[in-house]
Protein backbone atom coordinates (compact mmCIF):
# COMPACT_ATOMS: atom_id res chain seq x y z
CA MET A 1 199.40 151.91 45.81
CA LEU A 2 201.93 153.79 43.68
CA ILE A 3 201.55 157.59 43.80
CA LEU A 4 203.13 159.90 41.24
CA PRO A 5 203.13 163.65 41.90
CA ASP A 6 203.47 166.45 39.34
CA ILE A 7 205.02 165.15 36.12
CA HIS A 8 205.61 168.37 34.11
CA GLY A 9 207.29 166.40 31.32
CA ARG A 10 209.63 164.48 33.65
CA ASP A 11 210.13 160.72 33.37
CA PHE A 12 210.71 159.66 36.99
CA TRP A 13 207.41 157.75 36.79
CA ARG A 14 208.43 155.27 34.09
CA LYS A 15 210.49 152.73 36.05
CA PRO A 16 208.17 152.62 39.11
CA VAL A 17 205.14 152.18 36.84
CA GLN A 18 206.74 149.40 34.81
CA GLU A 19 207.85 147.55 37.94
CA THR A 20 204.50 147.99 39.67
CA LEU A 21 202.58 146.64 36.69
CA LYS A 22 204.83 143.56 36.57
CA GLU A 23 204.87 142.82 40.29
CA GLY A 24 201.18 142.55 41.19
CA ASP A 25 197.86 144.31 41.22
CA GLU A 26 198.72 147.55 43.06
CA LYS A 27 196.91 150.63 41.83
CA ILE A 28 198.72 153.61 40.34
CA ILE A 29 197.61 157.22 40.87
CA PHE A 30 198.98 160.22 38.97
CA LEU A 31 198.28 163.47 40.84
CA GLY A 32 198.09 165.64 37.72
CA ASP A 33 200.09 168.37 35.95
CA TYR A 34 201.47 166.33 33.07
CA LEU A 35 202.67 169.20 30.85
CA ASP A 36 204.15 172.72 31.02
CA PRO A 37 207.73 171.77 32.02
CA TYR A 38 210.02 174.03 34.00
CA PRO A 39 212.58 175.33 31.45
CA HIS A 40 215.47 175.38 33.94
CA GLU A 41 215.25 171.60 34.38
CA TRP A 42 216.17 170.90 30.75
CA ASP A 43 219.25 171.18 28.54
CA LYS A 44 219.33 174.41 26.61
CA ASP A 45 218.70 172.78 23.24
CA ALA A 46 216.01 170.32 24.37
CA ASP A 47 212.58 170.64 22.79
CA TYR A 48 211.11 170.06 26.23
CA ARG A 49 207.55 171.04 25.36
CA LYS A 50 207.36 168.43 22.60
CA ILE A 51 209.02 165.83 24.83
CA ALA A 52 206.43 166.55 27.51
CA ILE A 53 203.61 165.99 25.01
CA GLU A 54 205.07 162.65 23.90
CA ARG A 55 205.39 161.53 27.51
CA PHE A 56 201.83 162.65 28.16
CA LYS A 57 200.72 160.43 25.27
CA GLU A 58 202.55 157.53 26.93
CA ILE A 59 200.64 158.14 30.15
CA ILE A 60 197.33 158.25 28.30
CA GLU A 61 198.17 154.96 26.59
CA LEU A 62 199.18 153.51 29.95
CA LYS A 63 195.72 154.35 31.28
CA ARG A 64 194.01 152.92 28.21
CA ASN A 65 195.85 149.63 28.66
CA ASN A 66 195.30 149.47 32.43
CA THR A 67 191.94 151.13 32.96
CA GLU A 68 191.18 149.62 36.36
CA ARG A 69 194.65 150.00 37.82
CA VAL A 70 195.67 153.50 36.69
CA THR A 71 193.99 156.71 37.85
CA LEU A 72 194.76 160.02 36.14
CA LEU A 73 193.88 163.09 38.19
CA LEU A 74 193.73 166.63 36.84
CA GLY A 75 196.03 169.40 38.02
CA ASN A 76 195.71 173.14 37.59
CA HIS A 77 197.89 173.11 34.46
CA ASP A 78 195.74 170.38 32.91
CA CYS A 79 192.57 172.33 33.69
CA GLY A 80 193.98 175.27 31.76
CA TYR A 81 193.78 173.16 28.61
CA CYS A 82 190.65 171.11 29.24
CA ILE A 83 188.46 173.65 31.08
CA GLY A 84 189.89 177.04 30.16
CA ASP A 85 192.85 179.32 30.76
CA ASP A 86 190.83 181.21 33.35
CA VAL A 87 191.61 178.26 35.59
CA CYS A 88 195.33 178.29 34.78
CA SER A 89 197.62 179.90 32.22
CA CYS A 90 200.96 179.34 33.99
CA ARG A 91 203.70 178.39 31.50
CA MET A 92 200.96 177.41 29.05
CA ASP A 93 202.28 175.92 25.81
CA HIS A 94 200.53 178.22 23.39
CA ALA A 95 202.45 176.88 20.38
CA ASN A 96 201.08 173.36 20.93
CA ARG A 97 197.87 174.31 22.71
CA HIS A 98 195.52 172.95 20.05
CA GLU A 99 197.21 169.53 20.10
CA ILE A 100 197.13 169.37 23.90
CA GLU A 101 193.50 170.42 24.11
CA LYS A 102 192.62 167.73 21.57
CA LEU A 103 194.44 165.10 23.65
CA PHE A 104 192.36 166.02 26.69
CA ASN A 105 189.10 166.25 24.74
CA ASP A 106 189.64 162.95 22.91
CA ASN A 107 190.48 161.18 26.17
CA ARG A 108 188.21 163.03 28.58
CA GLY A 109 186.78 159.88 30.12
CA LEU A 110 190.22 158.73 31.24
CA PHE A 111 190.65 161.60 33.70
CA GLN A 112 189.02 162.62 36.96
CA ILE A 113 189.46 165.29 39.62
CA ALA A 114 189.71 163.25 42.80
CA GLU A 115 189.89 159.74 44.21
CA GLU A 116 189.47 158.23 47.67
CA ALA A 117 190.46 155.03 49.47
CA ASP A 118 190.23 153.48 52.92
CA LEU A 119 193.41 151.89 54.24
CA ASN A 120 193.99 150.45 57.69
CA GLY A 121 190.99 152.27 59.12
CA LYS A 122 191.97 155.64 57.66
CA HIS A 123 190.24 157.58 54.88
CA PHE A 124 192.49 159.04 52.19
CA VAL A 125 191.50 161.62 49.60
CA PHE A 126 193.67 162.10 46.53
CA SER A 127 193.60 165.26 44.42
CA HIS A 128 196.09 167.63 42.91
CA ALA A 129 196.07 170.17 45.75
CA GLY A 130 193.63 169.01 48.46
CA ILE A 131 189.93 169.35 49.19
CA LEU A 132 188.84 171.69 51.97
CA LYS A 133 185.31 171.86 53.36
CA GLY A 134 185.57 175.66 53.23
CA TRP A 135 186.01 175.52 49.47
CA ALA A 136 183.24 172.94 49.07
CA GLU A 137 180.88 175.21 51.02
CA LEU A 138 181.62 178.05 48.58
CA VAL A 139 180.58 175.78 45.70
CA TRP A 140 177.67 173.73 47.06
CA GLY A 141 176.62 175.91 50.00
CA GLU A 142 176.57 175.11 53.71
CA GLU A 143 173.37 173.11 53.45
CA GLY A 144 174.56 171.38 50.31
CA ILE A 145 177.63 169.83 51.90
CA LYS A 146 175.60 168.73 54.92
CA ARG A 147 172.91 166.95 52.95
CA LYS A 148 172.61 163.22 53.36
CA GLY A 149 174.77 161.28 50.97
CA PHE A 150 176.95 164.22 49.91
CA ASN A 151 180.33 162.93 48.78
CA VAL A 152 182.70 165.61 47.58
CA VAL A 153 184.83 163.23 45.50
CA GLU A 154 181.77 161.92 43.66
CA GLU A 155 180.42 165.45 43.16
CA LEU A 156 183.70 166.67 41.67
CA ASN A 157 184.07 163.72 39.33
CA ASN A 158 180.43 163.94 38.24
CA ALA A 159 180.94 167.63 37.46
CA TRP A 160 183.89 166.67 35.27
CA PHE A 161 182.10 163.84 33.46
CA THR A 162 178.96 165.94 32.83
CA ASN A 163 180.73 169.19 31.90
CA HIS A 164 179.12 171.04 34.82
CA TYR A 165 180.97 174.31 34.33
CA GLY A 166 179.21 175.94 37.24
CA ILE A 167 181.38 173.72 39.41
CA LEU A 168 184.37 173.31 37.11
CA ASP A 169 184.85 177.08 36.82
CA SER A 170 185.23 177.16 40.61
CA LEU A 171 188.45 175.21 40.21
CA ALA A 172 189.99 178.58 39.30
CA ASN A 173 189.74 179.66 42.96
CA CYS A 174 193.27 180.02 44.28
CA ASP A 175 194.15 181.06 47.81
CA THR A 176 195.91 184.09 49.24
CA TYR A 177 199.35 182.58 48.64
CA ARG A 178 198.97 183.25 44.91
CA ASP A 179 199.39 186.91 43.98
CA TRP A 180 196.30 186.85 41.75
CA GLY A 181 194.26 184.92 44.30
CA GLY A 182 192.58 186.16 47.44
CA PHE A 183 190.22 183.32 48.37
CA LYS A 184 190.52 181.97 51.88
CA TYR A 185 190.20 178.46 50.50
CA GLY A 186 191.84 177.35 47.28
CA SER A 187 190.27 174.74 45.02
CA PRO A 188 191.33 171.08 44.74
CA VAL A 189 193.78 172.07 41.98
CA TRP A 190 194.99 175.36 43.49
CA SER A 191 195.17 175.00 47.28
CA ASP A 192 198.66 175.91 48.50
CA ILE A 193 200.20 173.73 51.21
CA ARG A 194 200.65 176.85 53.37
CA SER A 195 196.89 177.21 53.57
CA TRP A 196 196.76 173.88 55.41
CA ALA A 197 198.94 174.93 58.36
CA ASN A 198 195.98 175.39 60.73
CA ILE A 199 193.54 172.96 59.12
CA THR A 200 192.09 170.30 61.43
CA PRO A 201 190.51 166.96 60.47
CA GLU A 202 187.09 168.56 60.94
CA ASP A 203 187.91 171.01 58.12
CA THR A 204 188.48 168.37 55.47
CA TYR A 205 187.19 165.02 54.20
CA GLY A 206 190.03 162.73 55.22
CA PHE A 207 193.80 162.69 55.01
CA ASN A 208 194.76 164.38 51.73
CA ILE A 209 197.51 163.12 49.43
CA VAL A 210 198.50 165.86 46.97
CA GLY A 211 201.16 167.45 44.81
CA HIS A 212 201.01 171.01 43.45
CA THR A 213 203.17 172.99 45.91
CA GLN A 214 206.81 172.29 45.11
CA CYS A 215 208.91 170.65 47.81
CA ILE A 216 212.71 170.53 47.69
CA GLU A 217 213.75 166.95 48.45
CA ASN A 218 211.15 165.44 50.75
CA PRO A 219 207.37 165.56 51.23
CA VAL A 220 205.77 168.19 53.42
CA VAL A 221 203.49 166.46 55.93
CA LEU A 222 200.98 168.32 58.09
CA GLU A 223 198.17 167.04 60.29
CA THR A 224 195.68 166.57 57.45
CA ILE A 225 197.78 166.53 54.28
CA ALA A 226 200.94 165.20 52.63
CA ASP A 227 202.37 167.20 49.74
CA LEU A 228 204.51 164.88 47.60
CA ASP A 229 205.61 167.27 44.84
CA CYS A 230 209.35 166.52 44.98
CA ARG A 231 209.93 164.70 41.68
CA LYS A 232 209.80 161.23 43.23
CA ALA A 233 207.45 158.26 43.27
CA PHE A 234 205.83 157.11 46.51
CA ILE A 235 204.06 154.04 47.85
CA LEU A 236 201.07 154.12 50.18
CA ASN A 237 200.82 150.57 51.49
CA SER A 238 197.93 148.63 53.03
CA GLU A 239 199.10 149.65 56.51
CA ALA A 240 198.61 153.31 55.54
CA GLU A 241 202.36 153.89 55.54
CA LEU A 242 203.84 156.28 52.99
CA MET A 243 207.32 155.57 51.68
CA ASN A 244 209.74 156.71 49.04
CA TYR A 245 209.52 154.21 46.17
CA ASP A 246 213.28 154.08 45.54
CA THR A 247 214.65 154.10 49.09
CA LYS A 248 211.64 152.53 50.87
CA GLU A 249 212.19 155.15 53.58
CA LYS A 250 208.95 155.69 55.49
CA THR A 251 207.33 159.07 56.08
CA GLN A 252 205.39 159.62 59.30
CA LEU A 253 201.92 160.65 58.15
CA PHE A 254 200.20 161.00 61.47
CA LYS A 255 201.44 163.07 64.40
CA ASP A 256 200.21 160.67 67.06
CA ALA A 257 200.70 157.20 65.60
CA LYS A 258 199.49 155.45 68.77
CA LYS A 259 196.33 157.50 68.87
CA GLU A 260 195.63 157.01 65.17
CA ASN A 261 196.11 153.26 65.33
């Protein structure tokens, strides 16, 4: 499985995607945040907002041509355009906002909020920022998340596909690490990696693979989450091993490998 963290107009995803599509049937997951580039990463004269939009169109076309293999998740920046700027207005491209909103609206069925997979006896949950039971309880209630058959990934994706804004508006909840926040638990597009420092497996729905909180060079891995937002592609193989796509260097996901296996 090829995993691609926050894009923000960058093109580090292109080569890994092309090679993965040629080599076999591995799935490809984008963790969201396709637009709103960081200005300092670009040459002074680059029209980086327009470049980001063109690259976003490429990703949409990639999904259209590989529906079963490519998963496009939504990040907080994406939600600003396709749900509302109450969810996110950071670095929003107001000049091209109408075009971006139309791209999301015209291709709504190609996106989702979360994904899950079982690998080597371990349950993985993919989202932009991670799904905490504390946040889910705020949205569905304590009894709601305990009801038989409740699956938070399915509930989130159904809310997206049915325009259930009672749930979608809750994606605006950001945690205390954001100055305008204050919630104990951030949403699946806003949860800061620092909020996960004391989270145990009982507090979440599996091992979370996310982006969102910027890392410098390498992923940040805690007991229940791996934050991959470091401008690199990663592979999660069938043995539940995470590795850098380019170097094939493995990242230890679980603190007690013997116990986990």
